[in-house]
Protein backbone atom coordinates (compact mmCIF):
# COMPACT_ATOMS: atom_id res chain seq x y z
CA UNK A 1 -82.03 30.58 8.33
CA UNK A 2 -79.42 28.64 6.36
CA UNK A 3 -79.27 25.19 7.88
CA UNK A 4 -77.12 22.07 7.37
CA UNK A 5 -78.22 18.70 8.77
CA UNK A 6 -75.74 15.95 9.61
CA UNK A 7 -77.81 12.77 9.59
CA UNK A 8 -76.31 9.61 11.09
CA UNK A 9 -77.58 6.36 9.62
CA UNK A 10 -76.87 2.80 10.68
CA UNK A 11 -78.35 -0.53 9.67
CA UNK A 12 -76.48 -3.85 10.00
CA UNK A 13 -77.73 -4.93 6.57
CA UNK A 14 -77.19 -1.53 4.97
CA UNK A 15 -80.89 -1.23 4.16
CA UNK A 16 -82.48 2.23 4.10
CA UNK A 17 -86.14 1.76 5.02
CA UNK A 18 -89.01 4.02 4.02
CA UNK A 19 -89.15 5.72 7.42
CA UNK A 20 -85.70 7.21 6.75
CA UNK A 21 -86.72 8.46 3.30
CA UNK A 22 -89.92 9.94 4.75
CA UNK A 23 -87.93 11.81 7.39
CA UNK A 24 -85.31 13.11 4.96
CA UNK A 25 -87.94 14.25 2.46
CA UNK A 26 -89.70 16.14 5.26
CA UNK A 27 -86.42 17.84 6.23
CA UNK A 28 -85.77 19.13 2.71
CA UNK A 29 -87.83 22.31 3.19
CA UNK A 30 -85.82 23.15 6.31
CA UNK A 31 -82.26 22.24 5.31
CA UNK A 32 -80.12 23.71 2.58
CA UNK A 33 -77.69 20.80 2.81
CA UNK A 34 -78.23 17.28 4.17
CA UNK A 35 -75.04 15.35 4.88
CA UNK A 36 -75.81 11.67 5.44
CA UNK A 37 -73.11 9.65 7.15
CA UNK A 38 -73.57 5.89 7.25
CA UNK A 39 -71.79 3.84 9.89
CA UNK A 40 -71.26 0.87 7.63
CA UNK A 41 -71.90 -0.07 3.99
CA UNK A 42 -75.14 0.76 2.19
CA UNK A 43 -76.81 -1.73 -0.12
CA UNK A 44 -76.83 -0.69 -3.77
CA UNK A 45 -80.60 -0.08 -3.95
CA UNK A 46 -80.51 1.88 -0.69
CA UNK A 47 -77.85 4.24 -1.96
CA UNK A 48 -79.89 4.85 -5.11
CA UNK A 49 -82.96 5.67 -3.01
CA UNK A 50 -81.00 8.30 -1.10
CA UNK A 51 -79.48 10.03 -4.11
CA UNK A 52 -82.30 12.51 -4.73
CA UNK A 53 -82.98 13.28 -1.08
CA UNK A 54 -79.58 14.19 0.36
CA UNK A 55 -76.69 16.30 -0.88
CA UNK A 56 -73.81 14.25 0.50
CA UNK A 57 -73.54 10.51 1.22
CA UNK A 58 -70.47 9.43 3.14
CA UNK A 59 -69.95 5.80 4.13
CA UNK A 60 -67.48 5.17 6.93
CA UNK A 61 -66.40 2.25 9.08
CA UNK A 62 -68.71 1.57 12.00
CA UNK A 63 -66.41 2.75 14.79
CA UNK A 64 -66.98 5.29 17.53
CA UNK A 65 -70.78 5.07 17.52
CA UNK A 66 -72.73 8.22 16.57
CA UNK A 67 -70.27 10.45 18.41
CA UNK A 68 -67.32 9.71 16.15
CA UNK A 69 -69.52 9.79 13.05
CA UNK A 70 -70.52 13.36 13.90
CA UNK A 71 -66.94 14.33 14.74
CA UNK A 72 -65.52 13.02 11.48
CA UNK A 73 -68.42 14.36 9.41
CA UNK A 74 -67.82 17.84 10.78
CA UNK A 75 -64.14 17.52 9.92
CA UNK A 76 -64.98 16.29 6.43
CA UNK A 77 -67.45 19.11 5.82
CA UNK A 78 -64.86 21.66 6.95
CA UNK A 79 -64.81 24.74 9.22
CA UNK A 80 -64.73 27.23 6.38
CA UNK A 81 -67.71 25.69 4.61
CA UNK A 82 -69.63 25.34 7.86
CA UNK A 83 -69.20 29.06 8.55
CA UNK A 84 -71.55 29.79 5.63
CA UNK A 85 -74.49 28.40 7.62
CA UNK A 86 -76.56 29.83 10.47
CA UNK A 87 -77.37 26.51 12.13
CA UNK A 88 -76.25 22.90 12.05
CA UNK A 89 -78.30 19.97 13.27
CA UNK A 90 -76.86 16.67 14.46
CA UNK A 91 -79.57 14.00 14.26
CA UNK A 92 -79.79 10.26 13.83
CA UNK A 93 -81.91 7.36 12.66
CA UNK A 94 -83.21 6.37 16.11
CA UNK A 95 -86.60 8.06 15.81
CA UNK A 96 -89.66 8.06 13.57
CA UNK A 97 -90.91 11.36 12.28
CA UNK A 98 -92.21 13.79 11.54
CA UNK A 99 -95.47 13.06 13.27
CA UNK A 100 -97.29 15.94 11.68
CA UNK A 101 -94.63 18.34 10.40
CA UNK A 102 -91.21 19.62 11.40
CA UNK A 103 -92.27 23.18 10.50
CA UNK A 104 -93.81 24.22 13.87
CA UNK A 105 -90.70 22.96 15.69
CA UNK A 106 -88.28 24.88 13.47
CA UNK A 107 -90.46 28.01 13.57
CA UNK A 108 -90.67 27.91 17.37
CA UNK A 109 -86.96 27.35 17.95
CA UNK A 110 -85.85 29.79 15.27
CA UNK A 111 -87.63 32.54 17.20
CA UNK A 112 -85.62 31.82 20.35
CA UNK A 113 -82.38 33.63 21.04
CA UNK A 114 -80.27 30.61 21.99
CA UNK A 115 -76.96 29.06 20.97
CA UNK A 116 -78.03 25.41 20.90
CA UNK A 117 -81.23 23.45 21.34
CA UNK A 118 -82.78 20.00 21.25
CA UNK A 119 -86.19 18.42 20.96
CA UNK A 120 -86.06 16.54 24.26
CA UNK A 121 -83.85 16.22 27.30
CA UNK A 122 -83.28 13.76 30.10
CA UNK A 123 -83.54 14.95 33.70
CA UNK A 124 -80.53 14.53 35.98
CA UNK A 125 -80.18 10.92 37.10
CA UNK A 126 -77.76 8.06 37.60
CA UNK A 127 -77.00 6.26 34.39
CA UNK A 128 -78.51 2.75 34.63
CA UNK A 129 -75.59 1.18 32.76
CA UNK A 130 -72.95 2.98 34.86
CA UNK A 131 -74.38 3.56 38.37
CA UNK A 132 -71.06 4.96 39.63
CA UNK A 133 -71.31 7.88 37.19
CA UNK A 134 -73.88 10.66 37.71
CA UNK A 135 -75.74 11.72 34.60
CA UNK A 136 -76.57 15.46 34.56
CA UNK A 137 -79.61 16.95 32.89
CA UNK A 138 -78.85 16.92 29.17
CA UNK A 139 -80.23 17.43 25.70
CA UNK A 140 -80.59 14.03 24.06
CA UNK A 141 -78.31 13.37 21.14
CA UNK A 142 -80.92 12.17 18.64
CA UNK A 143 -81.36 15.87 17.77
CA UNK A 144 -79.01 18.69 18.75
CA UNK A 145 -79.09 21.98 16.83
CA UNK A 146 -76.24 24.50 17.16
CA UNK A 147 -76.11 28.13 15.99
CA UNK A 148 -73.16 29.82 14.32
CA UNK A 149 -72.03 31.77 17.41
CA UNK A 150 -71.33 28.46 19.11
CA UNK A 151 -70.04 26.26 16.28
CA UNK A 152 -67.66 28.99 15.07
CA UNK A 153 -66.22 29.45 18.57
CA UNK A 154 -62.90 27.87 19.51
CA UNK A 155 -64.62 26.10 22.42
CA UNK A 156 -66.64 24.08 19.91
CA UNK A 157 -63.59 22.97 17.97
CA UNK A 158 -61.69 22.18 21.17
CA UNK A 159 -64.58 20.01 22.40
CA UNK A 160 -64.51 17.81 19.30
CA UNK A 161 -60.73 17.82 19.01
CA UNK A 162 -60.23 16.56 22.57
CA UNK A 163 -63.11 14.10 22.59
CA UNK A 164 -61.81 10.60 23.45
CA UNK A 165 -62.68 7.66 21.20
CA UNK A 166 -66.10 6.23 21.99
CA UNK A 167 -65.80 2.48 22.45
CA UNK A 168 -69.12 1.52 24.05
CA UNK A 169 -72.71 2.64 24.50
CA UNK A 170 -71.94 3.67 28.08
CA UNK A 171 -68.99 5.81 27.03
CA UNK A 172 -71.10 7.45 24.31
CA UNK A 173 -73.52 8.57 27.03
CA UNK A 174 -71.06 9.51 29.75
CA UNK A 175 -68.40 10.89 27.39
CA UNK A 176 -70.64 12.85 25.04
CA UNK A 177 -74.44 12.89 25.34
CA UNK A 178 -74.50 13.32 29.11
CA UNK A 179 -71.61 15.82 29.03
CA UNK A 180 -72.31 18.01 25.97
CA UNK A 181 -75.06 20.24 27.40
CA UNK A 182 -73.35 21.15 30.68
CA UNK A 183 -69.98 21.63 28.97
CA UNK A 184 -71.31 24.34 26.68
CA UNK A 185 -73.52 25.89 29.32
CA UNK A 186 -70.43 26.25 31.54
CA UNK A 187 -68.69 27.93 28.59
CA UNK A 188 -71.40 30.61 28.54
CA UNK A 189 -73.68 29.37 25.77
CA UNK A 190 -77.48 29.47 26.06
CA UNK A 191 -79.49 26.27 25.59
CA UNK A 192 -83.16 25.49 25.09
CA UNK A 193 -85.32 22.37 24.81
CA UNK A 194 -88.52 22.28 22.80
CA UNK A 195 -90.20 19.72 25.09
CA UNK A 196 -88.26 19.82 28.38
CA UNK A 197 -88.51 16.99 30.91
CA UNK A 198 -89.59 19.43 33.61
CA UNK A 199 -93.04 19.59 31.99
CA UNK A 200 -93.64 15.89 32.41
CA UNK A 201 -93.94 13.49 35.37
CA UNK A 202 -90.89 11.32 34.56
CA UNK A 203 -87.19 11.94 34.02
CA UNK A 204 -87.25 10.36 30.55
CA UNK A 205 -90.40 11.62 28.82
CA UNK A 206 -89.36 10.78 25.24
CA UNK A 207 -89.75 7.11 26.24
CA UNK A 208 -92.10 7.21 29.21
CA UNK A 209 -94.47 10.08 28.26
CA UNK A 210 -94.52 9.72 24.50
CA UNK A 211 -98.28 10.15 24.07
CA UNK A 212 -98.20 13.36 26.12
CA UNK A 213 -95.27 14.63 24.02
CA UNK A 214 -97.20 13.94 20.82
CA UNK A 215 -100.25 15.71 22.22
CA UNK A 216 -98.04 18.74 22.86
CA UNK A 217 -96.86 18.72 19.25
CA UNK A 218 -93.56 16.83 19.48
CA UNK A 219 -92.86 15.52 15.95
CA UNK A 220 -90.70 12.51 16.86
CA UNK A 221 -91.12 9.07 18.44
CA UNK A 222 -88.14 6.98 19.46
CA UNK A 223 -87.95 3.65 17.68
CA UNK A 224 -86.87 2.09 20.98
CA UNK A 225 -90.36 2.71 22.35
CA UNK A 226 -91.48 -0.33 20.38
CA UNK A 227 -88.64 -2.76 21.11
CA UNK A 228 -87.90 -1.99 24.76
CA UNK A 229 -87.99 -4.91 27.18
CA UNK A 230 -91.69 -5.72 27.73
CA UNK A 231 -90.97 -6.29 31.43
CA UNK A 232 -89.71 -2.68 31.68
CA UNK A 233 -92.83 -1.40 29.94
CA UNK A 234 -94.98 -3.65 32.14
CA UNK A 235 -93.40 -2.33 35.32
CA UNK A 236 -93.68 1.32 34.22
CA UNK A 237 -97.22 0.96 32.86
CA UNK A 238 -96.27 2.10 29.34
CA UNK A 239 -98.69 1.12 26.57
CA UNK A 240 -96.95 1.39 23.21
CA UNK A 241 -100.16 0.61 21.33
CA UNK A 242 -101.35 4.07 22.44
CA UNK A 243 -98.21 5.57 20.88
CA UNK A 244 -98.83 3.89 17.54
CA UNK A 245 -102.50 4.92 17.60
CA UNK A 246 -101.60 8.54 18.36
CA UNK A 247 -98.99 8.58 15.58
CA UNK A 248 -101.58 7.32 13.12
CA UNK A 249 -104.20 9.77 14.36
CA UNK A 250 -101.76 12.62 13.72
CA UNK A 251 -101.09 11.49 10.18
CA UNK A 252 -97.91 9.44 10.45
CA UNK A 253 -97.85 6.46 8.04
CA UNK A 254 -97.43 3.78 10.70
CA UNK A 255 -97.04 1.05 8.08
CA UNK A 256 -93.55 2.35 7.23
CA UNK A 257 -92.62 2.11 10.89
CA UNK A 258 -93.91 -1.47 10.99
CA UNK A 259 -91.81 -2.40 7.96
CA UNK A 260 -88.65 -1.26 9.72
CA UNK A 261 -89.56 -2.72 13.11
CA UNK A 262 -90.49 -6.10 11.59
CA UNK A 263 -87.03 -6.45 10.11
CA UNK A 264 -84.99 -5.08 13.01
CA UNK A 265 -86.76 -6.06 16.25
CA UNK A 266 -86.86 -9.27 18.24
CA UNK A 267 -90.19 -10.65 16.99
CA UNK A 268 -91.78 -11.68 20.29
CA UNK A 269 -90.82 -8.39 21.90
CA UNK A 270 -92.39 -6.43 19.05
CA UNK A 271 -95.56 -8.54 19.01
CA UNK A 272 -95.92 -8.10 22.76
CA UNK A 273 -95.29 -4.36 22.83
CA UNK A 274 -97.63 -3.60 19.93
CA UNK A 275 -100.27 -6.15 20.97
CA UNK A 276 -100.19 -7.79 17.54
CA UNK A 277 -102.98 -10.23 18.36
CA UNK A 278 -106.25 -9.64 16.53
CA UNK A 279 -109.45 -10.96 18.14
CA UNK A 280 -111.84 -11.30 15.21
CA UNK A 281 -115.57 -11.91 15.12
CA UNK A 282 -117.75 -14.10 12.91
CA UNK A 283 -119.45 -11.05 11.44
CA UNK A 284 -117.95 -10.19 8.06
CA UNK A 285 -116.82 -6.60 7.43
CA UNK A 286 -119.29 -4.38 5.59
CA UNK A 287 -117.17 -4.11 2.45
CA UNK A 288 -114.86 -7.07 2.13
CA UNK A 289 -112.38 -6.64 -0.70
CA UNK A 290 -112.19 -9.68 -3.00
CA UNK A 291 -108.96 -11.65 -2.79
CA UNK A 292 -107.49 -14.34 -5.01
CA UNK A 293 -107.18 -17.16 -2.48
CA UNK A 294 -105.55 -20.56 -2.75
CA UNK A 295 -105.97 -23.06 0.09
CA UNK A 296 -103.26 -25.67 0.52
CA UNK A 297 -104.38 -28.46 2.81
CA UNK A 298 -102.40 -31.48 3.92
CA UNK A 299 -103.96 -34.71 5.09
CA UNK A 300 -101.58 -36.88 7.07
CA UNK A 301 -101.74 -40.66 6.73
CA UNK A 302 -104.11 -42.24 9.21
CA UNK A 303 -106.04 -39.04 9.97
CA UNK A 304 -109.69 -38.19 9.29
CA UNK A 305 -109.88 -35.52 6.55
CA UNK A 306 -113.53 -34.59 7.11
CA UNK A 307 -112.94 -31.83 9.68
CA UNK A 308 -110.34 -30.17 7.48
CA UNK A 309 -112.49 -30.46 4.34
CA UNK A 310 -115.42 -28.98 6.24
CA UNK A 311 -113.34 -25.97 7.26
CA UNK A 312 -112.48 -25.28 3.64
CA UNK A 313 -116.21 -24.79 2.96
CA UNK A 314 -115.88 -21.46 4.79
CA UNK A 315 -113.53 -19.97 2.20
CA UNK A 316 -114.81 -17.52 -0.44
CA UNK A 317 -116.44 -18.87 -3.57
CA UNK A 318 -113.83 -19.34 -6.25
CA UNK A 319 -111.05 -20.33 -3.86
CA UNK A 320 -108.70 -22.83 -5.46
CA UNK A 321 -108.12 -25.84 -3.21
CA UNK A 322 -104.98 -27.99 -3.38
CA UNK A 323 -104.78 -31.03 -1.11
CA UNK A 324 -101.57 -32.98 -0.55
CA UNK A 325 -101.47 -36.55 0.69
CA UNK A 326 -98.51 -38.86 1.34
CA UNK A 327 -99.76 -41.95 -0.48
CA UNK A 328 -102.39 -43.41 -2.79
CA UNK A 329 -104.44 -44.90 0.04
CA UNK A 330 -104.85 -41.54 1.74
CA UNK A 331 -105.52 -39.98 -1.65
CA UNK A 332 -108.43 -42.35 -2.27
CA UNK A 333 -109.96 -41.53 1.12
CA UNK A 334 -109.63 -37.79 0.49
CA UNK A 335 -110.97 -38.07 -3.07
CA UNK A 336 -114.10 -39.81 -1.82
CA UNK A 337 -114.59 -37.30 0.98
CA UNK A 338 -114.27 -34.30 -1.38
CA UNK A 339 -117.03 -35.48 -3.71
CA UNK A 340 -119.81 -34.01 -1.57
CA UNK A 341 -118.10 -30.64 -1.05
CA UNK A 342 -119.07 -27.36 -2.67
CA UNK A 343 -115.60 -26.89 -4.10
CA UNK A 344 -113.36 -28.81 -6.45
CA UNK A 345 -109.94 -29.84 -5.22
CA UNK A 346 -106.71 -30.83 -6.86
CA UNK A 347 -105.26 -33.81 -4.99
CA UNK A 348 -101.50 -34.21 -5.14
CA UNK A 349 -100.12 -37.60 -4.12
CA UNK A 350 -96.55 -36.99 -2.89
CA UNK A 351 -95.47 -40.62 -2.60
CA UNK A 352 -93.59 -39.97 0.65
CA UNK A 353 -94.02 -38.90 4.24
CA UNK A 354 -90.60 -37.27 4.42
CA UNK A 355 -90.87 -33.84 6.00
CA UNK A 356 -94.59 -34.43 6.51
CA UNK A 357 -96.64 -31.20 6.08
CA UNK A 358 -93.60 -28.86 5.80
CA UNK A 359 -92.12 -30.68 2.80
CA UNK A 360 -95.62 -31.10 1.36
CA UNK A 361 -95.89 -27.30 1.29
CA UNK A 362 -92.40 -26.21 0.24
CA UNK A 363 -91.63 -29.07 -2.14
CA UNK A 364 -95.02 -30.43 -3.16
CA UNK A 365 -96.59 -26.99 -3.64
CA UNK A 366 -93.58 -24.90 -4.55
CA UNK A 367 -95.26 -23.86 -7.80
CA UNK A 368 -98.25 -22.44 -5.94
CA UNK A 369 -96.09 -20.30 -3.65
CA UNK A 370 -94.22 -18.97 -6.69
CA UNK A 371 -97.39 -17.81 -8.48
CA UNK A 372 -97.95 -14.08 -8.97
CA UNK A 373 -101.71 -14.35 -9.46
CA UNK A 374 -102.45 -15.26 -5.84
CA UNK A 375 -103.16 -12.74 -3.06
CA UNK A 376 -103.43 -15.08 -0.09
CA UNK A 377 -102.40 -18.63 0.77
CA UNK A 378 -104.42 -20.47 3.40
CA UNK A 379 -102.51 -23.33 5.00
CA UNK A 380 -104.37 -25.97 7.05
CA UNK A 381 -103.63 -29.59 7.84
CA UNK A 382 -104.81 -32.53 9.86
CA UNK A 383 -102.94 -33.34 13.06
CA UNK A 384 -101.74 -36.86 13.76
CA UNK A 385 -101.38 -37.95 17.38
CA UNK A 386 -97.69 -38.09 18.32
CA UNK A 387 -98.19 -41.38 20.14
CA UNK A 388 -100.87 -43.71 21.40
CA UNK A 389 -102.87 -42.07 24.15
CA UNK A 390 -102.36 -38.54 22.70
CA UNK A 391 -105.37 -38.56 20.32
CA UNK A 392 -107.40 -36.26 22.58
CA UNK A 393 -104.62 -33.66 22.74
CA UNK A 394 -104.06 -33.87 18.96
CA UNK A 395 -107.75 -33.28 18.28
CA UNK A 396 -107.79 -30.31 20.65
CA UNK A 397 -104.73 -28.76 19.00
CA UNK A 398 -106.16 -29.22 15.51
CA UNK A 399 -109.51 -27.71 16.54
CA UNK A 400 -107.87 -24.69 18.20
CA UNK A 401 -105.71 -23.93 15.17
CA UNK A 402 -108.55 -24.40 12.70
CA UNK A 403 -110.90 -22.25 14.79
CA UNK A 404 -108.39 -19.42 14.89
CA UNK A 405 -107.94 -19.39 11.11
CA UNK A 406 -111.20 -20.57 9.58
CA UNK A 407 -113.95 -20.63 12.20
CA UNK A 408 -116.59 -19.34 9.77
CA UNK A 409 -116.88 -17.52 6.45
CA UNK A 410 -117.40 -14.21 8.24
CA UNK A 411 -114.40 -14.85 10.45
CA UNK A 412 -112.16 -15.56 7.47
CA UNK A 413 -113.40 -12.40 5.76
CA UNK A 414 -112.06 -10.49 8.77
CA UNK A 415 -108.74 -12.34 8.51
CA UNK A 416 -108.45 -11.42 4.84
CA UNK A 417 -109.40 -7.81 5.59
CA UNK A 418 -106.31 -7.47 7.78
CA UNK A 419 -104.14 -7.80 4.68
CA UNK A 420 -106.08 -5.03 2.95
CA UNK A 421 -105.82 -2.81 6.02
CA UNK A 422 -102.09 -3.41 6.52
CA UNK A 423 -99.98 -3.42 3.32
CA UNK A 424 -96.94 -4.40 5.40
CA UNK A 425 -98.64 -7.52 6.81
CA UNK A 426 -97.08 -10.74 5.53
CA UNK A 427 -98.59 -13.54 7.60
CA UNK A 428 -101.11 -14.28 10.34
CA UNK A 429 -101.38 -17.40 12.46
CA UNK A 430 -102.91 -18.59 15.73
CA UNK A 431 -101.22 -17.85 19.08
CA UNK A 432 -99.05 -20.65 20.41
CA UNK A 433 -101.29 -23.30 21.91
CA UNK A 434 -100.30 -23.86 25.54
CA UNK A 435 -103.18 -26.05 26.70
CA UNK A 436 -102.03 -29.70 26.73
CA UNK A 437 -98.73 -28.67 25.07
CA UNK A 438 -95.46 -27.33 26.52
CA UNK A 439 -94.77 -24.66 23.89
CA UNK A 440 -94.21 -21.41 25.80
CA UNK A 441 -90.60 -21.21 26.92
CA UNK A 442 -89.67 -24.31 24.91
CA UNK A 443 -90.63 -23.31 21.38
CA UNK A 444 -87.20 -23.78 19.84
CA UNK A 445 -86.92 -27.44 20.96
CA UNK A 446 -83.17 -27.25 20.44
CA UNK A 447 -83.42 -25.93 16.87
CA UNK A 448 -82.27 -22.33 17.44
CA UNK A 449 -78.65 -22.75 16.32
CA UNK A 450 -79.67 -24.79 13.29
CA UNK A 451 -82.35 -22.22 12.45
CA UNK A 452 -79.87 -19.33 12.65
CA UNK A 453 -77.46 -21.15 10.34
CA UNK A 454 -80.22 -21.93 7.85
CA UNK A 455 -81.53 -18.36 7.98
CA UNK A 456 -78.06 -17.05 7.18
CA UNK A 457 -77.84 -19.39 4.18
CA UNK A 458 -81.24 -18.20 2.94
CA UNK A 459 -80.52 -14.50 3.48
CA UNK A 460 -83.14 -14.16 6.22
CA UNK A 461 -81.76 -11.39 8.42
CA UNK A 462 -83.85 -10.71 11.52
CA UNK A 463 -83.09 -10.77 15.28
CA UNK A 464 -83.89 -14.18 16.72
CA UNK A 465 -86.17 -14.73 19.68
CA UNK A 466 -84.28 -16.01 22.69
CA UNK A 467 -86.67 -18.66 23.98
CA UNK A 468 -89.95 -19.11 22.14
CA UNK A 469 -89.84 -18.03 18.49
CA UNK A 470 -92.76 -16.26 16.94
CA UNK A 471 -93.95 -19.00 14.60
CA UNK A 472 -97.09 -20.71 13.28
CA UNK A 473 -96.80 -23.76 15.51
CA UNK A 474 -98.41 -26.64 13.69
CA UNK A 475 -97.56 -25.01 10.37
CA UNK A 476 -100.99 -23.41 9.83
CA UNK A 477 -101.35 -19.79 8.69
CA UNK A 478 -102.68 -17.31 6.15
CA UNK A 479 -99.99 -15.43 4.21
CA UNK A 480 -99.09 -13.46 1.16
CA UNK A 481 -97.09 -15.79 -1.12
CA UNK A 482 -94.22 -13.29 -1.01
CA UNK A 483 -93.80 -13.93 2.73
CA UNK A 484 -92.70 -17.53 2.07
CA UNK A 485 -90.53 -17.03 -0.99
CA UNK A 486 -87.17 -16.72 0.77
CA UNK A 487 -87.65 -20.37 1.76
CA UNK A 488 -87.86 -21.40 -1.89
CA UNK A 489 -84.26 -20.30 -2.43
CA UNK A 490 -83.10 -23.56 -0.84
CA UNK A 491 -84.69 -25.57 -3.67
CA UNK A 492 -85.26 -28.53 -1.34
CA UNK A 493 -86.37 -31.94 -2.46
CA UNK A 494 -88.19 -34.51 -0.36
CA UNK A 495 -84.88 -36.33 0.16
CA UNK A 496 -83.62 -33.35 2.21
CA UNK A 497 -86.23 -33.96 4.89
CA UNK A 498 -86.35 -36.60 7.60
CA UNK A 499 -88.13 -39.92 7.47
CA UNK A 500 -90.80 -39.69 10.22
CA UNK A 501 -90.13 -43.32 11.11
CA UNK A 502 -86.46 -42.59 11.93
CA UNK A 503 -86.45 -42.31 15.73
CA UNK A 504 -82.69 -41.78 15.91
CA UNK A 505 -82.93 -38.11 14.87
CA UNK A 506 -83.26 -35.34 17.45
CA UNK A 507 -85.60 -32.37 16.89
CA UNK A 508 -82.89 -30.03 15.62
CA UNK A 509 -81.71 -32.68 13.15
CA UNK A 510 -85.07 -32.72 11.40
CA UNK A 511 -85.19 -30.03 8.72
CA UNK A 512 -88.98 -29.77 8.96
CA UNK A 513 -88.77 -28.74 12.63
CA UNK A 514 -86.21 -26.06 11.83
CA UNK A 515 -88.12 -24.72 8.84
CA UNK A 516 -91.43 -24.48 10.70
CA UNK A 517 -89.76 -22.07 13.13
CA UNK A 518 -88.51 -19.94 10.23
CA UNK A 519 -91.84 -19.46 8.48
CA UNK A 520 -92.60 -16.15 10.22
CA UNK A 521 -88.96 -15.06 10.11
CA UNK A 522 -88.99 -15.39 6.31
CA UNK A 523 -91.75 -12.78 6.26
CA UNK A 524 -90.21 -10.51 8.90
CA UNK A 525 -86.86 -10.42 7.14
CA UNK A 526 -88.57 -8.73 4.18
CA UNK A 527 -90.13 -6.05 6.36
CA UNK A 528 -93.50 -7.82 6.28
CA UNK A 529 -94.76 -7.93 9.84
CA UNK A 530 -96.77 -10.81 11.28
CA UNK A 531 -99.76 -10.94 13.59
CA UNK A 532 -101.60 -13.56 15.56
CA UNK A 533 -105.33 -14.05 15.10
CA UNK A 534 -107.85 -15.66 17.40
CA UNK A 535 -111.57 -16.20 17.66
CA UNK A 536 -113.12 -14.75 20.86
CA UNK A 537 -114.08 -18.21 22.15
CA UNK A 538 -110.61 -19.71 21.80
CA UNK A 539 -108.96 -16.50 23.04
CA UNK A 540 -111.10 -16.54 26.18
CA UNK A 541 -110.27 -20.16 26.93
CA UNK A 542 -106.58 -19.65 26.26
CA UNK A 543 -106.36 -16.53 28.43
CA UNK A 544 -108.17 -18.07 31.40
CA UNK A 545 -105.99 -21.18 31.34
CA UNK A 546 -102.89 -19.01 31.08
CA UNK A 547 -104.11 -16.79 33.93
CA UNK A 548 -104.76 -19.84 36.10
CA UNK A 549 -101.32 -21.32 35.45
CA UNK A 550 -99.61 -17.97 36.01
CA UNK A 551 -101.28 -17.30 39.36
CA UNK A 552 -100.20 -20.73 40.61
CA UNK A 553 -96.56 -19.95 39.72
CA UNK A 554 -96.76 -16.39 41.10
CA UNK A 555 -98.05 -17.65 44.44
CA UNK A 556 -94.90 -19.74 44.80
CA UNK A 557 -92.13 -17.48 43.45
CA UNK A 558 -93.33 -13.87 43.72
CA UNK A 559 -95.92 -11.49 42.38
CA UNK A 560 -93.90 -9.69 39.71
CA UNK A 561 -91.98 -11.12 36.74
CA UNK A 562 -88.65 -9.59 37.81
CA UNK A 563 -89.03 -11.11 41.29
CA UNK A 564 -90.06 -14.44 39.83
CA UNK A 565 -87.07 -14.56 37.52
CA UNK A 566 -84.64 -13.69 40.31
CA UNK A 567 -86.14 -16.39 42.52
CA UNK A 568 -86.06 -19.06 39.82
CA UNK A 569 -82.55 -18.18 38.68
CA UNK A 570 -81.37 -18.22 42.27
CA UNK A 571 -82.86 -21.66 42.78
CA UNK A 572 -81.24 -22.93 39.58
CA UNK A 573 -77.86 -21.54 40.63
CA UNK A 574 -78.18 -23.18 44.04
CA UNK A 575 -79.11 -26.49 42.46
CA UNK A 576 -76.00 -26.37 40.25
CA UNK A 577 -73.76 -25.69 43.24
CA UNK A 578 -75.40 -28.49 45.19
C-alpha cells in the first residue's frame, strides 16, 4: 500500500527531540513519503536532524492548531499528487512510539475493508472544556488514516474547504476532532478503530487504560499521560509509573521520553507523576561502575566543619575534594580538621561571604564545573543557624540533607549508580525538608518572577513550577557538571551577590536565593531530568510527619484535595470580602 504521512510537529523552542526522530525512523518502512509540518520555527540543528528522515519539511506560522496545519499541508501537497497514494495518515507529536513496532498495526488495519481508521477513539461524552456541547464518539486526531476512496471524494475536499478557522483548543475538539468521524460516517464512509474504547472500562482509554492498551499491542502512549494534573491522576487511580515500566518492558527507550519530558513539563508535576524519588539502601550495588568524582564542600563562617568532613570520608577512594571558606580564620580551622582525614583537600579562601555557598560554588569553583574530566560533582555544605535560637533546626536540616546524599559509602555508590542507569539524569538531591521548615507551598519565597527573568537571560527554557519549585533546597546535590553549565554563562563575580549582613534586601533581591531555585532548572532545560534521593530512615521520618500534618488539615477542610482546595479558596475569598 502506497502511504503518505503528514506529521505535525510543534515545540515552542523549535527543538526536535530524540523521541520524534525515533518515531519517524520507525515510520520509514511504512510510508513512501513523510511530510513534516512544523507549527513554528525549527532550530538549525533540529532541521539538520530531520533531513535524512523525512521527505518534506514545511515550516508555517503557529496558527489554527493541528487542524489548520493539516488543512494547509494537504493543500500544499496537492490533490493530483495525493491521488497517487492509497492511504494518507494525519498524525502528530503528542505521543511516544512505537512501543514495539508499528508493523502489526499497519498489517492489521491494511487487511480491513474500511475508508478511514484510527488507533484509539473517545467514547461519547460531554466535553469537559465546553459542557454545553456534546462530544460524540470519535477517532482521536493524534492518528487518523484515510484511504483513497474517501480522500479523493468531493466530500473530503468540501470538509476541509468549509472548515472554520480553529482559534482555541476547545474549537479544535468541537470543530474538528469531535466532528470528523460522525461527519464522514454520515456521508457513507466506513470507519474502524484499532483499539476501540468499547473494549475498555473508561471512555478515554488512551489516557486512563494505557497499560491495558499496551498489553493489547497498542504501539503509542500519549505524552500527556506523564504531565496531567496529579490531582486528576490521584482521583482516577492512574499510576503513570506503571506506564513507563510497561513501555520499557516492551522495548521502548524510555530515556528519550524522559529527555523530552524534562524539558517540556512542569517539573513538580513530572516528578510526582513518575515518582522520581529513589529510596536507596546502604548496600552497594554488586558492580558499581567507577566514576571520576569531585566533591565541593563549603564551610560557612562560625560553623563546625567536622560533620561535613566526616561525610566526605564516605566518597570513593581517589575523589578530589575542594573546600571553600569565606575567610582565613575559617580556613585555618578547616585545615587543622582535615589533617586527620583519609583524603587530601584543596582549601580555597574566598575572602568574602557575598552569596555565601551559592557564590562559593559558581564563582569560587567555576573552573571545576567547567572541567571535562569529571563525571560527578558532589555538593555539600555546613548550615549556619539563621538566628539565635534556631541552632537545633539548622543541625536537623544539615543532618537530613547530608544523610540523603552521603549517608554511607554503600549509599553513595547507589546514588552514583543512578547516573549510570539513566543517561538522561542530570542531578539528584534530597526531597524538600518540611520538618521545622516551611518549604512546601512557599518554596519560591517571592523569587519566581526574578527567577523567570534570569532563566530567560541564561537561555534556560523550561515550564516553571507554580508554587514550590523543584530545587535542591540548601544547595546540596550530586550532578553531572554539564547540568550546571548554563549558569556559568552569566560569568558572575562575587560583587554580583548580596552581602549577608545587609538586612535591607528582600529574598527575591538576593541573587543567591534566585540562583538556588534555578539549579535543577538548568539541568532540566537541557533535557537532563532530575530525581530526589533519600535514605530509608529519613524517608520514613519525613513521610510520617507529612502524613500526620496532612491528616490534621484534612480533618478540618475535607478528605480529598479538590474538596480541600475549594474550601480553602472559599474561605480566602470570604475573608477578602469581609
